[in-house]
């Protein structure tokens, strides 16, 4: 069994974002976004934390706590996966 570790950030998509080079993973093809750090300056979600929490809570098999911690699990025993983390607002600095 392979165990993959990754870090993901969910951020506002800046208008200046562009598509990167083509990436093939198995039979799937992706074009990741290229987002420079400067593009994120001042970018904020158009919803409150509570609105985001309520929206995420509607996803199947995703469990979220009021402190922002969450876990999202697979529904297929043959392809087991789990993503867990903590949703937190951006640093106000």
PDB file of N, CA and C in Angstrom:
ATOM      1  N   UNK A   1       0.850  -1.194   0.000  1.00  0.00           N
ATOM      2  CA  UNK A   1       0.000   0.000   0.000  1.00  0.00           C
ATOM      3  C   UNK A   1       0.884   1.242   0.000  1.00  0.00           C
ATOM      4  N   UNK A   2       0.585   2.163  -0.873  1.00  0.00           N
ATOM      5  CA  UNK A   2       1.299   3.440  -0.906  1.00  0.00           C
ATOM      6  C   UNK A   2       0.601   4.445  -0.016  1.00  0.00           C
ATOM      7  N   UNK A   3       1.371   5.218   0.714  1.00  0.00           N
ATOM      8  CA  UNK A   3       0.829   6.292   1.523  1.00  0.00           C
ATOM      9  C   UNK A   3       1.445   7.586   1.007  1.00  0.00           C
ATOM     10  N   UNK A   4       0.612   8.489   0.594  1.00  0.00           N
ATOM     11  CA  UNK A   4       1.071   9.764   0.070  1.00  0.00           C
ATOM     12  C   UNK A   4       0.803  10.849   1.091  1.00  0.00           C
ATOM     13  N   UNK A   5       1.746  11.746   1.242  1.00  0.00           N
ATOM     14  CA  UNK A   5       1.585  12.888   2.134  1.00  0.00           C
ATOM     15  C   UNK A   5       1.648  14.142   1.275  1.00  0.00           C
ATOM     16  N   UNK A   6       0.767  15.074   1.535  1.00  0.00           N
ATOM     17  CA  UNK A   6       0.768  16.313   0.773  1.00  0.00           C
ATOM     18  C   UNK A   6       0.241  17.442   1.632  1.00  0.00           C
ATOM     19  N   UNK A   7       0.524  18.638   1.193  1.00  0.00           N
ATOM     20  CA  UNK A   7      -0.035  19.827   1.834  1.00  0.00           C
ATOM     21  C   UNK A   7      -0.854  20.549   0.789  1.00  0.00           C
ATOM     22  N   UNK A   8      -2.023  20.974   1.184  1.00  0.00           N
ATOM     23  CA  UNK A   8      -2.882  21.710   0.268  1.00  0.00           C
ATOM     24  C   UNK A   8      -3.369  22.966   0.955  1.00  0.00           C
ATOM     25  N   UNK A   9      -3.489  24.017   0.186  1.00  0.00           N
ATOM     26  CA  UNK A   9      -4.047  25.263   0.687  1.00  0.00           C
ATOM     27  C   UNK A   9      -5.232  25.634  -0.177  1.00  0.00           C
ATOM     28  N   UNK A  10      -6.276  26.078   0.470  1.00  0.00           N
ATOM     29  CA  UNK A  10      -7.442  26.551  -0.267  1.00  0.00           C
ATOM     30  C   UNK A  10      -7.435  28.055  -0.133  1.00  0.00           C
ATOM     31  N   UNK A  11      -7.276  28.718  -1.262  1.00  0.00           N
ATOM     32  CA  UNK A  11      -7.172  30.174  -1.276  1.00  0.00           C
ATOM     33  C   UNK A  11      -8.021  30.736  -2.402  1.00  0.00           C
ATOM     34  N   UNK A  12      -8.238  32.011  -2.333  1.00  0.00           N
ATOM     35  CA  UNK A  12      -8.959  32.701  -3.393  1.00  0.00           C
ATOM     36  C   UNK A  12      -8.129  32.617  -4.678  1.00  0.00           C
ATOM     37  N   UNK A  13      -8.792  32.367  -5.792  1.00  0.00           N
ATOM     38  CA  UNK A  13      -8.079  32.320  -7.072  1.00  0.00           C
ATOM     39  C   UNK A  13      -7.883  33.737  -7.582  1.00  0.00           C
ATOM     40  N   UNK A  14      -6.627  34.191  -7.646  1.00  0.00           N
ATOM     41  CA  UNK A  14      -6.373  35.544  -8.154  1.00  0.00           C
ATOM     42  C   UNK A  14      -6.696  35.635  -9.646  1.00  0.00           C
ATOM     43  N   UNK A  15      -7.136  36.786 -10.068  1.00  0.00           N
ATOM     44  CA  UNK A  15      -7.463  36.998 -11.480  1.00  0.00           C
ATOM     45  C   UNK A  15      -6.233  36.795 -12.366  1.00  0.00           C
ATOM     46  N   UNK A  16      -5.036  37.011 -11.813  1.00  0.00           N
ATOM     47  CA  UNK A  16      -3.798  36.902 -12.596  1.00  0.00           C
ATOM     48  C   UNK A  16      -3.284  35.465 -12.727  1.00  0.00           C
ATOM     49  N   UNK A  17      -3.943  34.496 -12.107  1.00  0.00           N
ATOM     50  CA  UNK A  17      -3.490  33.099 -12.170  1.00  0.00           C
ATOM     51  C   UNK A  17      -3.505  32.612 -13.618  1.00  0.00           C
ATOM     52  N   UNK A  18      -2.506  31.805 -13.968  1.00  0.00           N
ATOM     53  CA  UNK A  18      -2.415  31.235 -15.310  1.00  0.00           C
ATOM     54  C   UNK A  18      -2.274  29.722 -15.206  1.00  0.00           C
ATOM     55  N   UNK A  19      -2.523  29.032 -16.297  1.00  0.00           N
ATOM     56  CA  UNK A  19      -2.357  27.581 -16.309  1.00  0.00           C
ATOM     57  C   UNK A  19      -0.890  27.236 -16.497  1.00  0.00           C
ATOM     58  N   UNK A  20      -0.438  26.225 -15.732  1.00  0.00           N
ATOM     59  CA  UNK A  20       0.947  25.775 -15.840  1.00  0.00           C
ATOM     60  C   UNK A  20       1.107  24.697 -16.889  1.00  0.00           C
ATOM     61  N   UNK A  21       2.264  24.039 -16.830  1.00  0.00           N
ATOM     62  CA  UNK A  21       2.567  22.966 -17.770  1.00  0.00           C
ATOM     63  C   UNK A  21       1.657  21.763 -17.528  1.00  0.00           C
ATOM     64  N   UNK A  22       1.399  21.040 -18.564  1.00  0.00           N
ATOM     65  CA  UNK A  22       0.574  19.828 -18.512  1.00  0.00           C
ATOM     66  C   UNK A  22       1.251  18.777 -17.627  1.00  0.00           C
ATOM     67  N   UNK A  23       0.467  18.142 -16.736  1.00  0.00           N
ATOM     68  CA  UNK A  23       0.952  17.079 -15.850  1.00  0.00           C
ATOM     69  C   UNK A  23       0.064  15.864 -16.036  1.00  0.00           C
ATOM     70  N   UNK A  24       0.670  14.699 -16.254  1.00  0.00           N
ATOM     71  CA  UNK A  24      -0.085  13.460 -16.401  1.00  0.00           C
ATOM     72  C   UNK A  24       0.122  12.606 -15.163  1.00  0.00           C
ATOM     73  N   UNK A  25      -0.973  12.205 -14.540  1.00  0.00           N
ATOM     74  CA  UNK A  25      -0.937  11.306 -13.388  1.00  0.00           C
ATOM     75  C   UNK A  25      -1.811  10.113 -13.722  1.00  0.00           C
ATOM     76  N   UNK A  26      -1.178   9.005 -14.039  1.00  0.00           N
ATOM     77  CA  UNK A  26      -1.933   7.839 -14.498  1.00  0.00           C
ATOM     78  C   UNK A  26      -2.575   8.177 -15.827  1.00  0.00           C
ATOM     79  N   UNK A  27      -3.864   7.990 -15.921  1.00  0.00           N
ATOM     80  CA  UNK A  27      -4.565   8.297 -17.164  1.00  0.00           C
ATOM     81  C   UNK A  27      -5.189   9.693 -17.152  1.00  0.00           C
ATOM     82  N   UNK A  28      -4.983  10.444 -16.062  1.00  0.00           N
ATOM     83  CA  UNK A  28      -5.568  11.782 -15.952  1.00  0.00           C
ATOM     84  C   UNK A  28      -4.541  12.848 -16.339  1.00  0.00           C
ATOM     85  N   UNK A  29      -5.021  13.909 -16.953  1.00  0.00           N
ATOM     86  CA  UNK A  29      -4.171  15.028 -17.358  1.00  0.00           C
ATOM     87  C   UNK A  29      -4.642  16.281 -16.631  1.00  0.00           C
ATOM     88  N   UNK A  30      -3.703  17.003 -16.034  1.00  0.00           N
ATOM     89  CA  UNK A  30      -4.014  18.224 -15.282  1.00  0.00           C
ATOM     90  C   UNK A  30      -3.162  19.369 -15.789  1.00  0.00           C
ATOM     91  N   UNK A  31      -3.671  20.575 -15.599  1.00  0.00           N
ATOM     92  CA  UNK A  31      -2.907  21.788 -15.865  1.00  0.00           C
ATOM     93  C   UNK A  31      -2.991  22.620 -14.583  1.00  0.00           C
ATOM     94  N   UNK A  32      -2.005  22.480 -13.703  1.00  0.00           N
ATOM     95  CA  UNK A  32      -2.058  23.196 -12.426  1.00  0.00           C
ATOM     96  C   UNK A  32      -1.973  24.703 -12.631  1.00  0.00           C
ATOM     97  N   UNK A  33      -2.529  25.425 -11.684  1.00  0.00           N
ATOM     98  CA  UNK A  33      -2.457  26.881 -11.747  1.00  0.00           C
ATOM     99  C   UNK A  33      -1.096  27.376 -11.295  1.00  0.00           C
ATOM    100  N   UNK A  34      -0.642  28.430 -11.917  1.00  0.00           N
ATOM    101  CA  UNK A  34       0.581  29.113 -11.493  1.00  0.00           C
ATOM    102  C   UNK A  34       0.129  30.369 -10.763  1.00  0.00           C
ATOM    103  N   UNK A  35       0.420  30.409  -9.468  1.00  0.00           N
ATOM    104  CA  UNK A  35       0.025  31.555  -8.645  1.00  0.00           C
ATOM    105  C   UNK A  35       1.256  32.045  -7.897  1.00  0.00           C
ATOM    106  N   UNK A  36       1.708  33.214  -8.223  1.00  0.00           N
ATOM    107  CA  UNK A  36       2.857  33.804  -7.540  1.00  0.00           C
ATOM    108  C   UNK A  36       2.400  34.351  -6.186  1.00  0.00           C
ATOM    109  N   UNK A  37       3.242  34.259  -5.135  1.00  0.00           N
ATOM    110  CA  UNK A  37       2.853  34.743  -3.806  1.00  0.00           C
ATOM    111  C   UNK A  37       2.323  36.179  -3.804  1.00  0.00           C
ATOM    112  N   UNK A  38       2.909  37.051  -4.596  1.00  0.00           N
ATOM    113  CA  UNK A  38       2.457  38.446  -4.630  1.00  0.00           C
ATOM    114  C   UNK A  38       1.007  38.571  -5.094  1.00  0.00           C
ATOM    115  N   UNK A  39       0.537  37.597  -5.879  1.00  0.00           N
ATOM    116  CA  UNK A  39      -0.843  37.641  -6.364  1.00  0.00           C
ATOM    117  C   UNK A  39      -1.854  37.460  -5.229  1.00  0.00           C
ATOM    118  N   UNK A  40      -1.405  36.869  -4.113  1.00  0.00           N
ATOM    119  CA  UNK A  40      -2.312  36.588  -3.004  1.00  0.00           C
ATOM    120  C   UNK A  40      -2.450  37.756  -2.032  1.00  0.00           C
ATOM    121  N   UNK A  41      -1.622  38.767  -2.194  1.00  0.00           N
ATOM    122  CA  UNK A  41      -1.681  39.915  -1.285  1.00  0.00           C
ATOM    123  C   UNK A  41      -3.055  40.562  -1.346  1.00  0.00           C
ATOM    124  N   UNK A  42      -3.711  40.637  -0.213  1.00  0.00           N
ATOM    125  CA  UNK A  42      -5.013  41.283  -0.132  1.00  0.00           C
ATOM    126  C   UNK A  42      -6.173  40.443  -0.617  1.00  0.00           C
ATOM    127  N   UNK A  43      -5.897  39.210  -1.077  1.00  0.00           N
ATOM    128  CA  UNK A  43      -6.977  38.350  -1.565  1.00  0.00           C
ATOM    129  C   UNK A  43      -7.738  37.773  -0.375  1.00  0.00           C
ATOM    130  N   UNK A  44      -9.039  37.905  -0.379  1.00  0.00           N
ATOM    131  CA  UNK A  44      -9.865  37.376   0.708  1.00  0.00           C
ATOM    132  C   UNK A  44     -11.048  36.613   0.129  1.00  0.00           C
ATOM    133  N   UNK A  45     -11.531  35.647   0.874  1.00  0.00           N
ATOM    134  CA  UNK A  45     -12.715  34.915   0.456  1.00  0.00           C
ATOM    135  C   UNK A  45     -13.929  35.827   0.535  1.00  0.00           C
ATOM    136  N   UNK A  46     -14.858  35.662  -0.385  1.00  0.00           N
ATOM    137  CA  UNK A  46     -16.060  36.494  -0.365  1.00  0.00           C
ATOM    138  C   UNK A  46     -17.123  35.975   0.610  1.00  0.00           C
ATOM    139  N   UNK A  47     -16.730  35.060   1.521  1.00  0.00           N
ATOM    140  CA  UNK A  47     -17.660  34.521   2.513  1.00  0.00           C
ATOM    141  C   UNK A  47     -16.994  34.552   3.884  1.00  0.00           C
ATOM    142  N   UNK A  48     -17.806  34.460   4.919  1.00  0.00           N
ATOM    143  CA  UNK A  48     -17.282  34.399   6.281  1.00  0.00           C
ATOM    144  C   UNK A  48     -16.838  32.969   6.590  1.00  0.00           C
ATOM    145  N   UNK A  49     -16.105  32.801   7.687  1.00  0.00           N
ATOM    146  CA  UNK A  49     -15.699  31.475   8.135  1.00  0.00           C
ATOM    147  C   UNK A  49     -16.928  30.596   8.343  1.00  0.00           C
ATOM    148  N   UNK A  50     -17.953  31.149   8.979  1.00  0.00           N
ATOM    149  CA  UNK A  50     -19.158  30.375   9.264  1.00  0.00           C
ATOM    150  C   UNK A  50     -19.867  29.937   7.984  1.00  0.00           C
ATOM    151  N   UNK A  51     -19.884  30.788   6.964  1.00  0.00           N
ATOM    152  CA  UNK A  51     -20.496  30.416   5.692  1.00  0.00           C
ATOM    153  C   UNK A  51     -19.685  29.313   5.005  1.00  0.00           C
ATOM    154  N   UNK A  52     -18.368  29.415   5.061  1.00  0.00           N
ATOM    155  CA  UNK A  52     -17.506  28.382   4.479  1.00  0.00           C
ATOM    156  C   UNK A  52     -17.692  27.061   5.217  1.00  0.00           C
ATOM    157  N   UNK A  53     -17.751  27.127   6.542  1.00  0.00           N
ATOM    158  CA  UNK A  53     -17.960  25.924   7.363  1.00  0.00           C
ATOM    159  C   UNK A  53     -19.271  25.236   6.985  1.00  0.00           C
ATOM    160  N   UNK A  54     -20.337  26.007   6.858  1.00  0.00           N
ATOM    161  CA  UNK A  54     -21.645  25.445   6.510  1.00  0.00           C
ATOM    162  C   UNK A  54     -21.617  24.809   5.118  1.00  0.00           C
ATOM    163  N   UNK A  55     -20.934  25.435   4.183  1.00  0.00           N
ATOM    164  CA  UNK A  55     -20.842  24.896   2.836  1.00  0.00           C
ATOM    165  C   UNK A  55     -20.036  23.598   2.811  1.00  0.00           C
ATOM    166  N   UNK A  56     -18.900  23.579   3.488  1.00  0.00           N
ATOM    167  CA  UNK A  56     -18.073  22.372   3.534  1.00  0.00           C
ATOM    168  C   UNK A  56     -18.787  21.229   4.243  1.00  0.00           C
ATOM    169  N   UNK A  57     -19.566  21.540   5.259  1.00  0.00           N
ATOM    170  CA  UNK A  57     -20.293  20.514   6.005  1.00  0.00           C
ATOM    171  C   UNK A  57     -21.288  19.780   5.115  1.00  0.00           C
ATOM    172  N   UNK A  58     -21.648  20.351   3.981  1.00  0.00           N
ATOM    173  CA  UNK A  58     -22.575  19.706   3.056  1.00  0.00           C
ATOM    174  C   UNK A  58     -21.927  18.668   2.160  1.00  0.00           C
ATOM    175  N   UNK A  59     -20.590  18.573   2.155  1.00  0.00           N
ATOM    176  CA  UNK A  59     -19.915  17.584   1.319  1.00  0.00           C
ATOM    177  C   UNK A  59     -20.067  16.191   1.941  1.00  0.00           C
ATOM    178  N   UNK A  60     -20.331  15.183   1.124  1.00  0.00           N
ATOM    179  CA  UNK A  60     -20.477  13.834   1.667  1.00  0.00           C
ATOM    180  C   UNK A  60     -19.185  13.368   2.339  1.00  0.00           C
ATOM    181  N   UNK A  61     -19.302  12.773   3.499  1.00  0.00           N
ATOM    182  CA  UNK A  61     -18.199  12.187   4.245  1.00  0.00           C
ATOM    183  C   UNK A  61     -17.164  13.195   4.719  1.00  0.00           C
ATOM    184  N   UNK A  62     -17.504  14.474   4.730  1.00  0.00           N
ATOM    185  CA  UNK A  62     -16.616  15.491   5.293  1.00  0.00           C
ATOM    186  C   UNK A  62     -17.207  15.941   6.621  1.00  0.00           C
ATOM    187  N   UNK A  63     -16.392  15.861   7.652  1.00  0.00           N
ATOM    188  CA  UNK A  63     -16.823  16.250   8.988  1.00  0.00           C
ATOM    189  C   UNK A  63     -15.976  17.424   9.424  1.00  0.00           C
ATOM    190  N   UNK A  64     -16.604  18.502   9.850  1.00  0.00           N
ATOM    191  CA  UNK A  64     -15.886  19.713  10.238  1.00  0.00           C
ATOM    192  C   UNK A  64     -16.363  20.157  11.615  1.00  0.00           C
ATOM    193  N   UNK A  65     -15.418  20.608  12.418  1.00  0.00           N
ATOM    194  CA  UNK A  65     -15.699  21.080  13.768  1.00  0.00           C
ATOM    195  C   UNK A  65     -15.700  22.610  13.792  1.00  0.00           C
ATOM    196  N   UNK A  66     -16.349  23.217  14.773  1.00  0.00           N
ATOM    197  CA  UNK A  66     -16.388  24.686  14.853  1.00  0.00           C
ATOM    198  C   UNK A  66     -15.009  25.349  14.977  1.00  0.00           C
ATOM    199  N   UNK A  67     -13.996  24.585  15.416  1.00  0.00           N
ATOM    200  CA  UNK A  67     -12.645  25.165  15.492  1.00  0.00           C
ATOM    201  C   UNK A  67     -11.929  25.134  14.149  1.00  0.00           C
ATOM    202  N   UNK A  68     -12.570  24.563  13.121  1.00  0.00           N
ATOM    203  CA  UNK A  68     -11.991  24.520  11.787  1.00  0.00           C
ATOM    204  C   UNK A  68     -11.324  23.202  11.448  1.00  0.00           C
ATOM    205  N   UNK A  69     -11.170  22.296  12.408  1.00  0.00           N
ATOM    206  CA  UNK A  69     -10.561  21.008  12.087  1.00  0.00           C
ATOM    207  C   UNK A  69     -11.559  20.177  11.278  1.00  0.00           C
ATOM    208  N   UNK A  70     -11.026  19.395  10.345  1.00  0.00           N
ATOM    209  CA  UNK A  70     -11.905  18.609   9.492  1.00  0.00           C
ATOM    210  C   UNK A  70     -11.248  17.292   9.108  1.00  0.00           C
ATOM    211  N   UNK A  71     -12.070  16.357   8.672  1.00  0.00           N
ATOM    212  CA  UNK A  71     -11.617  15.102   8.090  1.00  0.00           C
ATOM    213  C   UNK A  71     -12.585  14.743   6.963  1.00  0.00           C
ATOM    214  N   UNK A  72     -12.025  14.298   5.849  1.00  0.00           N
ATOM    215  CA  UNK A  72     -12.805  13.909   4.682  1.00  0.00           C
ATOM    216  C   UNK A  72     -12.331  12.524   4.291  1.00  0.00           C
ATOM    217  N   UNK A  73     -13.225  11.568   4.186  1.00  0.00           N
ATOM    218  CA  UNK A  73     -12.841  10.175   3.967  1.00  0.00           C
ATOM    219  C   UNK A  73     -13.489   9.600   2.705  1.00  0.00           C
ATOM    220  N   UNK A  74     -12.842   8.566   2.177  1.00  0.00           N
ATOM    221  CA  UNK A  74     -13.340   7.877   0.986  1.00  0.00           C
ATOM    222  C   UNK A  74     -14.588   7.079   1.304  1.00  0.00           C
ATOM    223  N   UNK A  75     -15.364   6.791   0.276  1.00  0.00           N
ATOM    224  CA  UNK A  75     -16.518   5.915   0.460  1.00  0.00           C
ATOM    225  C   UNK A  75     -16.294   4.569  -0.216  1.00  0.00           C
ATOM    226  N   UNK A  76     -15.119   4.338  -0.735  1.00  0.00           N
ATOM    227  CA  UNK A  76     -14.799   3.121  -1.465  1.00  0.00           C
ATOM    228  C   UNK A  76     -13.726   2.342  -0.701  1.00  0.00           C
ATOM    229  N   UNK A  77     -14.075   1.191  -0.172  1.00  0.00           N
ATOM    230  CA  UNK A  77     -13.127   0.393   0.611  1.00  0.00           C
ATOM    231  C   UNK A  77     -11.939  -0.071  -0.232  1.00  0.00           C
ATOM    232  N   UNK A  78     -12.105  -0.149  -1.540  1.00  0.00           N
ATOM    233  CA  UNK A  78     -11.018  -0.583  -2.415  1.00  0.00           C
ATOM    234  C   UNK A  78      -9.986   0.521  -2.647  1.00  0.00           C
ATOM    235  N   UNK A  79     -10.413   1.759  -2.510  1.00  0.00           N
ATOM    236  CA  UNK A  79      -9.513   2.899  -2.733  1.00  0.00           C
ATOM    237  C   UNK A  79      -9.617   3.820  -1.525  1.00  0.00           C
ATOM    238  N   UNK A  80      -8.987   3.416  -0.463  1.00  0.00           N
ATOM    239  CA  UNK A  80      -9.091   4.136   0.799  1.00  0.00           C
ATOM    240  C   UNK A  80      -8.236   5.405   0.795  1.00  0.00           C
ATOM    241  N   UNK A  81      -8.824   6.496   1.237  1.00  0.00           N
ATOM    242  CA  UNK A  81      -8.082   7.741   1.410  1.00  0.00           C
ATOM    243  C   UNK A  81      -8.740   8.562   2.498  1.00  0.00           C
ATOM    244  N   UNK A  82      -7.961   9.481   3.030  1.00  0.00           N
ATOM    245  CA  UNK A  82      -8.450  10.385   4.072  1.00  0.00           C
ATOM    246  C   UNK A  82      -7.650  11.675   3.993  1.00  0.00           C
ATOM    247  N   UNK A  83      -8.347  12.784   4.065  1.00  0.00           N
ATOM    248  CA  UNK A  83      -7.706  14.104   4.120  1.00  0.00           C
ATOM    249  C   UNK A  83      -8.159  14.752   5.414  1.00  0.00           C
ATOM    250  N   UNK A  84      -7.202  15.185   6.225  1.00  0.00           N
ATOM    251  CA  UNK A  84      -7.593  15.904   7.426  1.00  0.00           C
ATOM    252  C   UNK A  84      -6.709  17.124   7.588  1.00  0.00           C
ATOM    253  N   UNK A  85      -7.230  18.110   8.278  1.00  0.00           N
ATOM    254  CA  UNK A  85      -6.488  19.340   8.443  1.00  0.00           C
ATOM    255  C   UNK A  85      -7.268  20.336   9.266  1.00  0.00           C
ATOM    256  N   UNK A  86      -6.921  21.599   9.065  1.00  0.00           N
ATOM    257  CA  UNK A  86      -7.559  22.661   9.815  1.00  0.00           C
ATOM    258  C   UNK A  86      -7.763  23.850   8.899  1.00  0.00           C
ATOM    259  N   UNK A  87      -9.006  24.279   8.794  1.00  0.00           N
ATOM    260  CA  UNK A  87      -9.342  25.477   8.022  1.00  0.00           C
ATOM    261  C   UNK A  87      -9.124  26.670   8.929  1.00  0.00           C
ATOM    262  N   UNK A  88      -8.282  27.570   8.523  1.00  0.00           N
ATOM    263  CA  UNK A  88      -8.084  28.763   9.349  1.00  0.00           C
ATOM    264  C   UNK A  88      -8.062  29.989   8.455  1.00  0.00           C
ATOM    265  N   UNK A  89      -8.536  31.085   8.998  1.00  0.00           N
ATOM    266  CA  UNK A  89      -8.545  32.316   8.218  1.00  0.00           C
ATOM    267  C   UNK A  89      -7.127  32.790   7.955  1.00  0.00           C
ATOM    268  N   UNK A  90      -6.922  33.602   6.919  1.00  0.00           N
ATOM    269  CA  UNK A  90      -5.577  34.098   6.626  1.00  0.00           C
ATOM    270  C   UNK A  90      -5.031  34.955   7.762  1.00  0.00           C
ATOM    271  N   UNK A  91      -3.725  34.983   7.860  1.00  0.00           N
ATOM    272  CA  UNK A  91      -3.028  35.791   8.850  1.00  0.00           C
ATOM    273  C   UNK A  91      -3.341  37.273   8.577  1.00  0.00           C
ATOM    274  N   UNK A  92      -3.842  38.017   9.566  1.00  0.00           N
ATOM    275  CA  UNK A  92      -4.243  39.399   9.323  1.00  0.00           C
ATOM    276  C   UNK A  92      -3.084  40.367   9.134  1.00  0.00           C
ATOM    277  N   UNK A  93      -1.850  39.876   9.260  1.00  0.00           N
ATOM    278  CA  UNK A  93      -0.702  40.792   9.107  1.00  0.00           C
ATOM    279  C   UNK A  93      -0.553  41.291   7.704  1.00  0.00           C
TER     280      UNK A  93
END
